[in-house]
Amino acid sequence: MGEAQPVSLSHRVPDLGALELLLAIARLGSLGRAARARGISQPAASSRLRAMERQLGVALVERSPRGSRLTDAGVLVTDWARRVVEAAEALDAGAQALRGRRDSRLRVAASMTIAEYLLPGWLISLRAELPGTAVSLLAGNSSAVAERLARGEADLGFVEGLQVPAGLDGAVIGHDRLVVVAAPSHRWARRRTELTAAELAATPLILRERGSGTRQVLDAALAEHGGLAEPLLELASTTAVKAAVVSEAAPSVLSELAVGEELSARRLVEIPVRGLRLGRDLRAVWPSGQRPVGPARHLLGLTRAMS
């Protein structure tokens, strides 16, 4: 004959609810008051107490018109129960602390255009709703954002481009348009006819570096028009590109988000281009198979609501 399998501890030991009821009886001296303190009816409390006594095989409480009194066995079990409940409270506090560490910080990686022109507004809204969340921002081009997410250095990323980078999942949160811009004194600003895509492709421009979402979209759009000419300058920030264009070095192609103020003030002018589409999606991205949680999920919700 095989050996009898031991009954599991969960079948031999009362659950936390029953132990908390016993502690309440010991503290309040009445089954009825203990039931009210635990938020259950007196019959339910009485039934739970009897079930606990049957499970343990000992009488725990003597009931009388004057109240409820622990038996000698009940006093011992109550002392042991208190240690179990305290251990459970420690477990709960530890789990809350772990959640708190996760929920109190948010690591965001964002491409330069989004980091400079959209993310500040999103983070202000996040701070209003989750004031205890500390946010760190890692800004770079879209390729760098994808690399940081892949290495686990960020909880949520934001990129501009034609598609979701490899190894990531994403959601479209908005749209953007690239525009050709030049200084007001540039010859293109005085043209009476629209620029052609071929002319744009053949002109040395001031551009963002390879790997940026802006460069990816422009490369793809001009591929059928001979491809981009060798850039006059390649710069790592939109601010640097704008400064170079304003100084009349050469035209550029930048996000409409980034040049709105300069266009309004006429420090830059938009150059129309015939037959060229330069729209792009703005995306939130995260590692494949890992949906955003905690503050990252909250921020993702905010970006969708504000788009």
C-alpha atoms as a PDB file:
ATOM      1  CA  MET A   1       0.000   0.000   0.000  1.00  0.00           C
ATOM      2  CA  GLY A   2       1.213   3.508  -0.821  1.00  0.00           C
ATOM      3  CA  GLU A   3       1.909   6.027   1.875  1.00  0.00           C
ATOM      4  CA  ALA A   4      -0.939   8.349   2.805  1.00  0.00           C
ATOM      5  CA  GLN A   5      -0.470  11.818   1.425  1.00  0.00           C
ATOM      6  CA  PRO A   6      -0.230  14.486   4.155  1.00  0.00           C
ATOM      7  CA  VAL A   7      -3.069  16.951   4.362  1.00  0.00           C
ATOM      8  CA  SER A   8      -1.851  20.363   3.227  1.00  0.00           C
ATOM      9  CA  LEU A   9      -1.254  23.089   5.782  1.00  0.00           C
ATOM     10  CA  SER A  10      -4.017  25.220   4.289  1.00  0.00           C
ATOM     11  CA  HIS A  11      -6.538  22.512   5.289  1.00  0.00           C
ATOM     12  CA  ARG A  12      -5.183  22.201   8.827  1.00  0.00           C
ATOM     13  CA  VAL A  13      -4.722  25.863   9.736  1.00  0.00           C
ATOM     14  CA  PRO A  14      -7.550  28.448   9.891  1.00  0.00           C
ATOM     15  CA  ASP A  15      -7.502  31.207   7.294  1.00  0.00           C
ATOM     16  CA  LEU A  16      -6.556  34.768   8.143  1.00  0.00           C
ATOM     17  CA  GLY A  17     -10.169  35.894   8.364  1.00  0.00           C
ATOM     18  CA  ALA A  18     -10.889  33.354  11.109  1.00  0.00           C
ATOM     19  CA  LEU A  19      -7.721  34.245  13.008  1.00  0.00           C
ATOM     20  CA  GLU A  20      -8.546  37.954  12.822  1.00  0.00           C
ATOM     21  CA  LEU A  21     -12.013  37.183  14.221  1.00  0.00           C
ATOM     22  CA  LEU A  22     -10.464  35.285  17.140  1.00  0.00           C
ATOM     23  CA  LEU A  23      -8.146  38.210  17.890  1.00  0.00           C
ATOM     24  CA  ALA A  24     -11.130  40.571  17.822  1.00  0.00           C
ATOM     25  CA  ILE A  25     -13.043  38.381  20.307  1.00  0.00           C
ATOM     26  CA  ALA A  26     -10.033  38.382  22.636  1.00  0.00           C
ATOM     27  CA  ARG A  27      -9.684  42.161  22.356  1.00  0.00           C
ATOM     28  CA  LEU A  28     -13.395  43.084  22.671  1.00  0.00           C
ATOM     29  CA  GLY A  29     -14.676  40.287  24.967  1.00  0.00           C
ATOM     30  CA  SER A  30     -17.804  39.738  22.886  1.00  0.00           C
ATOM     31  CA  LEU A  31     -18.622  37.722  19.785  1.00  0.00           C
ATOM     32  CA  GLY A  32     -21.198  40.314  18.731  1.00  0.00           C
ATOM     33  CA  ARG A  33     -18.790  43.260  19.032  1.00  0.00           C
ATOM     34  CA  ALA A  34     -16.095  41.263  17.242  1.00  0.00           C
ATOM     35  CA  ALA A  35     -18.524  40.530  14.398  1.00  0.00           C
ATOM     36  CA  ARG A  36     -19.348  44.225  14.011  1.00  0.00           C
ATOM     37  CA  ALA A  37     -15.659  45.136  14.092  1.00  0.00           C
ATOM     38  CA  ARG A  38     -14.977  42.629  11.301  1.00  0.00           C
ATOM     39  CA  GLY A  39     -17.983  43.812   9.273  1.00  0.00           C
ATOM     40  CA  ILE A  40     -19.908  40.507   9.365  1.00  0.00           C
ATOM     41  CA  SER A  41     -23.143  39.380  10.980  1.00  0.00           C
ATOM     42  CA  GLN A  42     -23.133  37.693  14.388  1.00  0.00           C
ATOM     43  CA  PRO A  43     -24.497  34.383  12.969  1.00  0.00           C
ATOM     44  CA  ALA A  44     -21.714  34.420  10.368  1.00  0.00           C
ATOM     45  CA  ALA A  45     -19.124  35.079  13.061  1.00  0.00           C
ATOM     46  CA  SER A  46     -20.532  32.283  15.230  1.00  0.00           C
ATOM     47  CA  SER A  47     -20.448  29.890  12.269  1.00  0.00           C
ATOM     48  CA  ARG A  48     -16.851  30.808  11.457  1.00  0.00           C
ATOM     49  CA  LEU A  49     -15.792  30.334  15.084  1.00  0.00           C
ATOM     50  CA  ARG A  50     -17.406  26.856  15.258  1.00  0.00           C
ATOM     51  CA  ALA A  51     -15.722  25.878  11.995  1.00  0.00           C
ATOM     52  CA  MET A  52     -12.364  26.988  13.379  1.00  0.00           C
ATOM     53  CA  GLU A  53     -12.886  24.986  16.561  1.00  0.00           C
ATOM     54  CA  ARG A  54     -13.757  21.875  14.531  1.00  0.00           C
ATOM     55  CA  GLN A  55     -10.713  22.379  12.309  1.00  0.00           C
ATOM     56  CA  LEU A  56      -8.347  22.678  15.285  1.00  0.00           C
ATOM     57  CA  GLY A  57     -10.142  20.097  17.438  1.00  0.00           C
ATOM     58  CA  VAL A  58     -10.294  22.305  20.544  1.00  0.00           C
ATOM     59  CA  ALA A  59     -12.791  24.706  22.119  1.00  0.00           C
ATOM     60  CA  LEU A  60     -11.556  28.281  21.845  1.00  0.00           C
ATOM     61  CA  VAL A  61     -14.303  30.444  23.323  1.00  0.00           C
ATOM     62  CA  GLU A  62     -16.845  30.050  26.133  1.00  0.00           C
ATOM     63  CA  ARG A  63     -19.999  32.049  25.436  1.00  0.00           C
ATOM     64  CA  SER A  64     -22.360  33.304  28.147  1.00  0.00           C
ATOM     65  CA  PRO A  65     -24.955  36.090  28.595  1.00  0.00           C
ATOM     66  CA  ARG A  66     -22.143  38.245  29.953  1.00  0.00           C
ATOM     67  CA  GLY A  67     -20.002  37.904  26.826  1.00  0.00           C
ATOM     68  CA  SER A  68     -17.339  35.634  25.384  1.00  0.00           C
ATOM     69  CA  ARG A  69     -14.246  34.404  27.204  1.00  0.00           C
ATOM     70  CA  LEU A  70     -11.265  32.548  25.790  1.00  0.00           C
ATOM     71  CA  THR A  71     -10.640  29.036  27.070  1.00  0.00           C
ATOM     72  CA  ASP A  72      -7.117  28.133  28.177  1.00  0.00           C
ATOM     73  CA  ALA A  73      -6.582  26.572  24.738  1.00  0.00           C
ATOM     74  CA  GLY A  74      -8.097  29.673  23.196  1.00  0.00           C
ATOM     75  CA  VAL A  75      -5.541  31.893  24.954  1.00  0.00           C
ATOM     76  CA  LEU A  76      -2.672  29.838  23.498  1.00  0.00           C
ATOM     77  CA  VAL A  77      -4.173  29.732  20.010  1.00  0.00           C
ATOM     78  CA  THR A  78      -4.791  33.486  20.156  1.00  0.00           C
ATOM     79  CA  ASP A  79      -1.126  34.128  20.947  1.00  0.00           C
ATOM     80  CA  TRP A  80      -0.076  31.965  18.012  1.00  0.00           C
ATOM     81  CA  ALA A  81      -2.704  33.546  15.772  1.00  0.00           C
ATOM     82  CA  ARG A  82      -1.378  36.998  16.589  1.00  0.00           C
ATOM     83  CA  ARG A  83       2.064  36.014  15.281  1.00  0.00           C
ATOM     84  CA  VAL A  84       0.533  34.622  12.075  1.00  0.00           C
ATOM     85  CA  VAL A  85      -1.487  37.788  11.469  1.00  0.00           C
ATOM     86  CA  GLU A  86       1.539  39.983  12.212  1.00  0.00           C
ATOM     87  CA  ALA A  87       3.563  37.963   9.687  1.00  0.00           C
ATOM     88  CA  ALA A  88       0.784  38.401   7.119  1.00  0.00           C
ATOM     89  CA  GLU A  89       0.760  42.146   7.804  1.00  0.00           C
ATOM     90  CA  ALA A  90       4.523  42.220   7.247  1.00  0.00           C
ATOM     91  CA  LEU A  91       4.055  40.372   3.949  1.00  0.00           C
ATOM     92  CA  ASP A  92       1.383  42.848   2.883  1.00  0.00           C
ATOM     93  CA  ALA A  93       3.530  45.836   3.865  1.00  0.00           C
ATOM     94  CA  GLY A  94       6.479  44.422   1.944  1.00  0.00           C
ATOM     95  CA  ALA A  95       4.368  43.862  -1.158  1.00  0.00           C
ATOM     96  CA  GLN A  96       3.050  47.416  -0.902  1.00  0.00           C
ATOM     97  CA  ALA A  97       6.604  48.708  -0.641  1.00  0.00           C
ATOM     98  CA  LEU A  98       7.590  46.773  -3.764  1.00  0.00           C
ATOM     99  CA  ARG A  99       4.592  48.175  -5.610  1.00  0.00           C
ATOM    100  CA  GLY A 100       5.420  51.581  -4.241  1.00  0.00           C
ATOM    101  CA  ARG A 101       8.956  51.458  -5.624  1.00  0.00           C
ATOM    102  CA  ARG A 102       7.598  50.470  -9.000  1.00  0.00           C
ATOM    103  CA  ASP A 103       4.797  53.016  -8.912  1.00  0.00           C
ATOM    104  CA  SER A 104       6.888  55.890  -7.580  1.00  0.00           C
ATOM    105  CA  ARG A 105       9.249  56.079 -10.545  1.00  0.00           C
ATOM    106  CA  LEU A 106       8.874  56.231 -14.287  1.00  0.00           C
ATOM    107  CA  ARG A 107      11.730  56.022 -16.774  1.00  0.00           C
ATOM    108  CA  VAL A 108      10.791  57.591 -20.101  1.00  0.00           C
ATOM    109  CA  ALA A 109      12.870  57.527 -23.287  1.00  0.00           C
ATOM    110  CA  ALA A 110      11.729  59.938 -25.985  1.00  0.00           C
ATOM    111  CA  SER A 111      12.918  61.107 -29.367  1.00  0.00           C
ATOM    112  CA  MET A 112      14.103  64.697 -29.448  1.00  0.00           C
ATOM    113  CA  THR A 113      11.046  66.298 -31.055  1.00  0.00           C
ATOM    114  CA  ILE A 114       8.588  64.607 -28.695  1.00  0.00           C
ATOM    115  CA  ALA A 115      10.826  65.221 -25.666  1.00  0.00           C
ATOM    116  CA  GLU A 116      11.077  68.932 -26.416  1.00  0.00           C
ATOM    117  CA  TYR A 117       7.623  69.827 -27.685  1.00  0.00           C
ATOM    118  CA  LEU A 118       5.073  67.301 -26.368  1.00  0.00           C
ATOM    119  CA  LEU A 119       6.398  65.442 -23.342  1.00  0.00           C
ATOM    120  CA  PRO A 120       6.507  68.430 -20.942  1.00  0.00           C
ATOM    121  CA  GLY A 121       2.737  68.916 -21.214  1.00  0.00           C
ATOM    122  CA  TRP A 122       2.089  65.212 -20.696  1.00  0.00           C
ATOM    123  CA  LEU A 123       4.331  65.120 -17.626  1.00  0.00           C
ATOM    124  CA  ILE A 124       2.630  68.153 -16.077  1.00  0.00           C
ATOM    125  CA  SER A 125      -0.695  66.324 -16.366  1.00  0.00           C
ATOM    126  CA  LEU A 126       0.863  63.148 -14.956  1.00  0.00           C
ATOM    127  CA  ARG A 127       2.253  65.028 -11.960  1.00  0.00           C
ATOM    128  CA  ALA A 128      -1.197  66.490 -11.252  1.00  0.00           C
ATOM    129  CA  GLU A 129      -2.725  62.999 -11.171  1.00  0.00           C
ATOM    130  CA  LEU A 130       0.209  61.029  -9.666  1.00  0.00           C
ATOM    131  CA  PRO A 131       2.121  63.613  -7.600  1.00  0.00           C
ATOM    132  CA  GLY A 132       4.337  61.004  -5.929  1.00  0.00           C
ATOM    133  CA  THR A 133       5.800  59.703  -9.176  1.00  0.00           C
ATOM    134  CA  ALA A 134       9.418  60.615  -9.900  1.00  0.00           C
ATOM    135  CA  VAL A 135      10.092  60.753 -13.633  1.00  0.00           C
ATOM    136  CA  SER A 136      13.457  60.435 -15.334  1.00  0.00           C
ATOM    137  CA  LEU A 137      13.796  61.324 -19.011  1.00  0.00           C
ATOM    138  CA  LEU A 138      16.296  59.901 -21.487  1.00  0.00           C
ATOM    139  CA  ALA A 139      16.219  61.894 -24.730  1.00  0.00           C
ATOM    140  CA  GLY A 140      17.784  60.750 -27.986  1.00  0.00           C
ATOM    141  CA  ASN A 141      16.883  59.835 -31.533  1.00  0.00           C
ATOM    142  CA  SER A 142      14.337  57.121 -32.311  1.00  0.00           C
ATOM    143  CA  SER A 143      17.009  54.433 -32.701  1.00  0.00           C
ATOM    144  CA  ALA A 144      18.461  55.282 -29.280  1.00  0.00           C
ATOM    145  CA  VAL A 145      14.993  55.082 -27.720  1.00  0.00           C
ATOM    146  CA  ALA A 146      14.525  51.569 -29.129  1.00  0.00           C
ATOM    147  CA  GLU A 147      17.945  50.505 -27.804  1.00  0.00           C
ATOM    148  CA  ARG A 148      17.203  51.805 -24.299  1.00  0.00           C
ATOM    149  CA  LEU A 149      13.916  49.914 -24.174  1.00  0.00           C
ATOM    150  CA  ALA A 150      15.603  46.732 -25.394  1.00  0.00           C
ATOM    151  CA  ARG A 151      18.211  47.031 -22.617  1.00  0.00           C
ATOM    152  CA  GLY A 152      15.542  47.569 -19.947  1.00  0.00           C
ATOM    153  CA  GLU A 153      16.686  51.133 -19.272  1.00  0.00           C
ATOM    154  CA  ALA A 154      13.251  52.677 -19.834  1.00  0.00           C
ATOM    155  CA  ASP A 155       9.653  51.760 -18.981  1.00  0.00           C
ATOM    156  CA  LEU A 156       8.037  53.580 -21.900  1.00  0.00           C
ATOM    157  CA  GLY A 157       9.337  55.190 -25.071  1.00  0.00           C
ATOM    158  CA  PHE A 158       8.133  57.700 -27.645  1.00  0.00           C
ATOM    159  CA  VAL A 159       9.324  57.773 -31.249  1.00  0.00           C
ATOM    160  CA  GLU A 160       8.496  59.335 -34.599  1.00  0.00           C
ATOM    161  CA  GLY A 161       8.879  57.333 -37.764  1.00  0.00           C
ATOM    162  CA  LEU A 162       7.314  55.097 -40.357  1.00  0.00           C
ATOM    163  CA  GLN A 163       6.942  51.949 -38.272  1.00  0.00           C
ATOM    164  CA  VAL A 164       7.377  50.377 -34.846  1.00  0.00           C
ATOM    165  CA  PRO A 165      11.078  49.561 -34.273  1.00  0.00           C
ATOM    166  CA  ALA A 166      11.998  45.853 -34.237  1.00  0.00           C
ATOM    167  CA  GLY A 167      11.459  44.113 -30.898  1.00  0.00           C
ATOM    168  CA  LEU A 168       8.903  46.627 -29.698  1.00  0.00           C
ATOM    169  CA  ASP A 169       5.146  46.944 -29.583  1.00  0.00           C
ATOM    170  CA  GLY A 170       3.510  50.309 -29.908  1.00  0.00           C
ATOM    171  CA  ALA A 171       0.450  52.459 -30.320  1.00  0.00           C
ATOM    172  CA  VAL A 172      -0.077  55.564 -32.435  1.00  0.00           C
ATOM    173  CA  ILE A 173      -0.707  58.534 -30.138  1.00  0.00           C
ATOM    174  CA  GLY A 174      -0.636  61.373 -32.661  1.00  0.00           C
ATOM    175  CA  HIS A 175       0.470  62.608 -36.046  1.00  0.00           C
ATOM    176  CA  ASP A 176       3.043  65.073 -37.293  1.00  0.00           C
ATOM    177  CA  ARG A 177       4.120  66.638 -40.580  1.00  0.00           C
ATOM    178  CA  LEU A 178       7.594  67.499 -41.785  1.00  0.00           C
ATOM    179  CA  VAL A 179       8.028  70.842 -43.507  1.00  0.00           C
ATOM    180  CA  VAL A 180      10.800  72.298 -45.621  1.00  0.00           C
ATOM    181  CA  VAL A 181      12.053  75.530 -44.050  1.00  0.00           C
ATOM    182  CA  ALA A 182      14.557  78.191 -45.010  1.00  0.00           C
ATOM    183  CA  ALA A 183      15.664  81.609 -43.812  1.00  0.00           C
ATOM    184  CA  PRO A 184      13.557  84.474 -45.252  1.00  0.00           C
ATOM    185  CA  SER A 185      16.573  85.668 -47.209  1.00  0.00           C
ATOM    186  CA  HIS A 186      17.162  82.310 -48.908  1.00  0.00           C
ATOM    187  CA  ARG A 187      16.444  82.164 -52.636  1.00  0.00           C
ATOM    188  CA  TRP A 188      13.824  79.456 -52.099  1.00  0.00           C
ATOM    189  CA  ALA A 189      11.795  81.893 -49.979  1.00  0.00           C
ATOM    190  CA  ARG A 190      11.498  84.181 -53.032  1.00  0.00           C
ATOM    191  CA  ARG A 191      10.418  81.498 -55.496  1.00  0.00           C
ATOM    192  CA  ARG A 192       7.168  81.975 -57.357  1.00  0.00           C
ATOM    193  CA  THR A 193       6.786  78.257 -58.102  1.00  0.00           C
ATOM    194  CA  GLU A 194       6.682  75.268 -55.788  1.00  0.00           C
ATOM    195  CA  LEU A 195       9.847  73.327 -55.171  1.00  0.00           C
ATOM    196  CA  THR A 196       9.934  69.858 -56.728  1.00  0.00           C
ATOM    197  CA  ALA A 197      10.811  66.713 -54.804  1.00  0.00           C
ATOM    198  CA  ALA A 198      13.753  66.149 -57.148  1.00  0.00           C
ATOM    199  CA  GLU A 199      15.139  69.634 -56.418  1.00  0.00           C
ATOM    200  CA  LEU A 200      14.831  69.015 -52.693  1.00  0.00           C
ATOM    201  CA  ALA A 201      16.572  65.642 -53.007  1.00  0.00           C
ATOM    202  CA  ALA A 202      19.450  67.139 -54.973  1.00  0.00           C
ATOM    203  CA  THR A 203      20.118  70.015 -52.545  1.00  0.00           C
ATOM    204  CA  PRO A 204      22.651  69.682 -49.681  1.00  0.00           C
ATOM    205  CA  LEU A 205      20.525  70.348 -46.567  1.00  0.00           C
ATOM    206  CA  ILE A 206      21.072  70.789 -42.864  1.00  0.00           C
ATOM    207  CA  LEU A 207      19.637  67.612 -41.376  1.00  0.00           C
ATOM    208  CA  ARG A 208      19.226  65.582 -38.219  1.00  0.00           C
ATOM    209  CA  GLU A 209      21.565  62.637 -37.869  1.00  0.00           C
ATOM    210  CA  ARG A 210      20.860  59.158 -39.242  1.00  0.00           C
ATOM    211  CA  GLY A 211      18.696  57.184 -36.817  1.00  0.00           C
ATOM    212  CA  SER A 212      16.383  60.083 -36.071  1.00  0.00           C
ATOM    213  CA  GLY A 213      12.707  59.687 -36.947  1.00  0.00           C
ATOM    214  CA  THR A 214      12.851  62.870 -39.034  1.00  0.00           C
ATOM    215  CA  ARG A 215      15.711  61.517 -41.129  1.00  0.00           C
ATOM    216  CA  GLN A 216      14.024  58.123 -41.577  1.00  0.00           C
ATOM    217  CA  VAL A 217      10.845  59.693 -42.975  1.00  0.00           C
ATOM    218  CA  LEU A 218      12.748  62.045 -45.272  1.00  0.00           C
ATOM    219  CA  ASP A 219      15.000  59.279 -46.599  1.00  0.00           C
ATOM    220  CA  ALA A 220      11.969  57.130 -47.423  1.00  0.00           C
ATOM    221  CA  ALA A 221      10.025  59.986 -49.048  1.00  0.00           C
ATOM    222  CA  LEU A 222      12.890  60.971 -51.353  1.00  0.00           C
ATOM    223  CA  ALA A 223      14.076  57.472 -52.228  1.00  0.00           C
ATOM    224  CA  GLU A 224      12.085  57.490 -55.497  1.00  0.00           C
ATOM    225  CA  HIS A 225      13.393  60.956 -56.401  1.00  0.00           C
ATOM    226  CA  GLY A 226      17.061  60.050 -56.447  1.00  0.00           C
ATOM    227  CA  GLY A 227      17.639  59.940 -52.709  1.00  0.00           C
ATOM    228  CA  LEU A 228      19.052  62.620 -50.442  1.00  0.00           C
ATOM    229  CA  ALA A 229      22.126  64.512 -51.501  1.00  0.00           C
ATOM    230  CA  GLU A 230      25.047  64.491 -49.093  1.00  0.00           C
ATOM    231  CA  PRO A 231      23.962  66.821 -46.249  1.00  0.00           C
ATOM    232  CA  LEU A 232      25.723  70.126 -45.780  1.00  0.00           C
ATOM    233  CA  LEU A 233      25.560  69.522 -42.006  1.00  0.00           C
ATOM    234  CA  GLU A 234      24.276  66.727 -39.782  1.00  0.00           C
ATOM    235  CA  LEU A 235      23.316  67.827 -36.270  1.00  0.00           C
ATOM    236  CA  ALA A 236      22.054  65.887 -33.274  1.00  0.00           C
ATOM    237  CA  SER A 237      19.359  68.281 -32.087  1.00  0.00           C
ATOM    238  CA  THR A 238      16.450  70.121 -33.655  1.00  0.00           C
ATOM    239  CA  THR A 239      17.462  73.325 -31.878  1.00  0.00           C
ATOM    240  CA  ALA A 240      20.913  73.215 -33.492  1.00  0.00           C
ATOM    241  CA  VAL A 241      19.394  72.570 -36.927  1.00  0.00           C
ATOM    242  CA  LYS A 242      17.022  75.549 -36.576  1.00  0.00           C
ATOM    243  CA  ALA A 243      19.848  77.845 -35.496  1.00  0.00           C
ATOM    244  CA  ALA A 244      21.893  76.854 -38.543  1.00  0.00           C
ATOM    245  CA  VAL A 245      18.963  77.427 -40.910  1.00  0.00           C
ATOM    246  CA  VAL A 246      18.165  80.839 -39.385  1.00  0.00           C
ATOM    247  CA  SER A 247      21.799  81.810 -39.940  1.00  0.00           C
ATOM    248  CA  GLU A 248      21.177  81.247 -43.675  1.00  0.00           C
ATOM    249  CA  ALA A 249      23.508  78.247 -43.956  1.00  0.00           C
ATOM    250  CA  ALA A 250      21.023  76.125 -45.913  1.00  0.00           C
ATOM    251  CA  PRO A 251      17.395  74.912 -45.807  1.00  0.00           C
ATOM    252  CA  SER A 252      16.223  71.965 -43.737  1.00  0.00           C
ATOM    253  CA  VAL A 253      13.294  69.607 -43.213  1.00  0.00           C
ATOM    254  CA  LEU A 254      11.902  69.613 -39.685  1.00  0.00           C
ATOM    255  CA  SER A 255       8.826  68.730 -37.677  1.00  0.00           C
ATOM    256  CA  GLU A 256       5.984  71.209 -37.900  1.00  0.00           C
ATOM    257  CA  LEU A 257       5.824  70.954 -34.103  1.00  0.00           C
ATOM    258  CA  ALA A 258       9.383  72.214 -33.837  1.00  0.00           C
ATOM    259  CA  VAL A 259       9.177  75.232 -36.131  1.00  0.00           C
ATOM    260  CA  GLY A 260       5.767  76.688 -35.288  1.00  0.00           C
ATOM    261  CA  GLU A 261       7.182  79.578 -33.283  1.00  0.00           C
ATOM    262  CA  GLU A 262       9.848  80.431 -35.877  1.00  0.00           C
ATOM    263  CA  LEU A 263       7.298  80.363 -38.713  1.00  0.00           C
ATOM    264  CA  SER A 264       4.932  82.640 -36.798  1.00  0.00           C
ATOM    265  CA  ALA A 265       7.749  85.105 -36.093  1.00  0.00           C
ATOM    266  CA  ARG A 266       8.992  84.879 -39.718  1.00  0.00           C
ATOM    267  CA  ARG A 267      12.452  83.820 -38.601  1.00  0.00           C
ATOM    268  CA  LEU A 268      11.865  80.851 -40.904  1.00  0.00           C
ATOM    269  CA  VAL A 269       9.548  80.392 -43.863  1.00  0.00           C
ATOM    270  CA  GLU A 270       7.911  77.206 -45.098  1.00  0.00           C
ATOM    271  CA  ILE A 271       8.805  76.180 -48.647  1.00  0.00           C
ATOM    272  CA  PRO A 272       5.993  74.323 -50.470  1.00  0.00           C
ATOM    273  CA  VAL A 273       7.056  71.130 -52.257  1.00  0.00           C
ATOM    274  CA  ARG A 274       4.950  69.699 -55.048  1.00  0.00           C
ATOM    275  CA  GLY A 275       3.870  66.074 -54.834  1.00  0.00           C
ATOM    276  CA  LEU A 276       5.745  65.123 -51.661  1.00  0.00           C
ATOM    277  CA  ARG A 277       4.067  63.581 -48.614  1.00  0.00           C
ATOM    278  CA  LEU A 278       5.955  64.022 -45.372  1.00  0.00           C
ATOM    279  CA  GLY A 279       3.435  62.917 -42.748  1.00  0.00           C
ATOM    280  CA  ARG A 280       4.412  60.585 -39.934  1.00  0.00           C
ATOM    281  CA  ASP A 281       2.943  58.872 -36.894  1.00  0.00           C
ATOM    282  CA  LEU A 282       3.966  59.579 -33.327  1.00  0.00           C
ATOM    283  CA  ARG A 283       4.089  56.380 -31.293  1.00  0.00           C
ATOM    284  CA  ALA A 284       4.399  55.178 -27.755  1.00  0.00           C
ATOM    285  CA  VAL A 285       6.535  52.022 -27.699  1.00  0.00           C
ATOM    286  CA  TRP A 286       7.477  49.308 -25.204  1.00  0.00           C
ATOM    287  CA  PRO A 287       9.196  45.878 -25.311  1.00  0.00           C
ATOM    288  CA  SER A 288       7.206  43.263 -27.221  1.00  0.00           C
ATOM    289  CA  GLY A 289       4.844  41.271 -25.020  1.00  0.00           C
ATOM    290  CA  GLN A 290       5.181  43.612 -22.034  1.00  0.00           C
ATOM    291  CA  ARG A 291       2.200  45.930 -21.729  1.00  0.00           C
ATOM    292  CA  PRO A 292       2.940  49.146 -19.795  1.00  0.00           C
ATOM    293  CA  VAL A 293       1.964  49.019 -16.106  1.00  0.00           C
ATOM    294  CA  GLY A 294       1.802  51.500 -13.238  1.00  0.00           C
ATOM    295  CA  PRO A 295       2.739  55.101 -14.103  1.00  0.00           C
ATOM    296  CA  ALA A 296       3.808  54.056 -17.615  1.00  0.00           C
ATOM    297  CA  ARG A 297       0.297  52.845 -18.334  1.00  0.00           C
ATOM    298  CA  HIS A 298      -1.118  56.027 -16.814  1.00  0.00           C
ATOM    299  CA  LEU A 299       1.107  58.222 -18.984  1.00  0.00           C
ATOM    300  CA  LEU A 300       0.143  56.228 -22.082  1.00  0.00           C
ATOM    301  CA  GLY A 301      -3.517  56.902 -21.261  1.00  0.00           C
ATOM    302  CA  LEU A 302      -2.808  60.618 -20.909  1.00  0.00           C
ATOM    303  CA  THR A 303      -1.077  60.860 -24.282  1.00  0.00           C
ATOM    304  CA  ARG A 304      -4.037  59.212 -25.980  1.00  0.00           C
ATOM    305  CA  ALA A 305      -6.510  61.479 -24.210  1.00  0.00           C
ATOM    306  CA  MET A 306      -4.551  64.611 -25.167  1.00  0.00           C
ATOM    307  CA  SER A 307      -3.849  63.670 -28.789  1.00  0.00           C
END
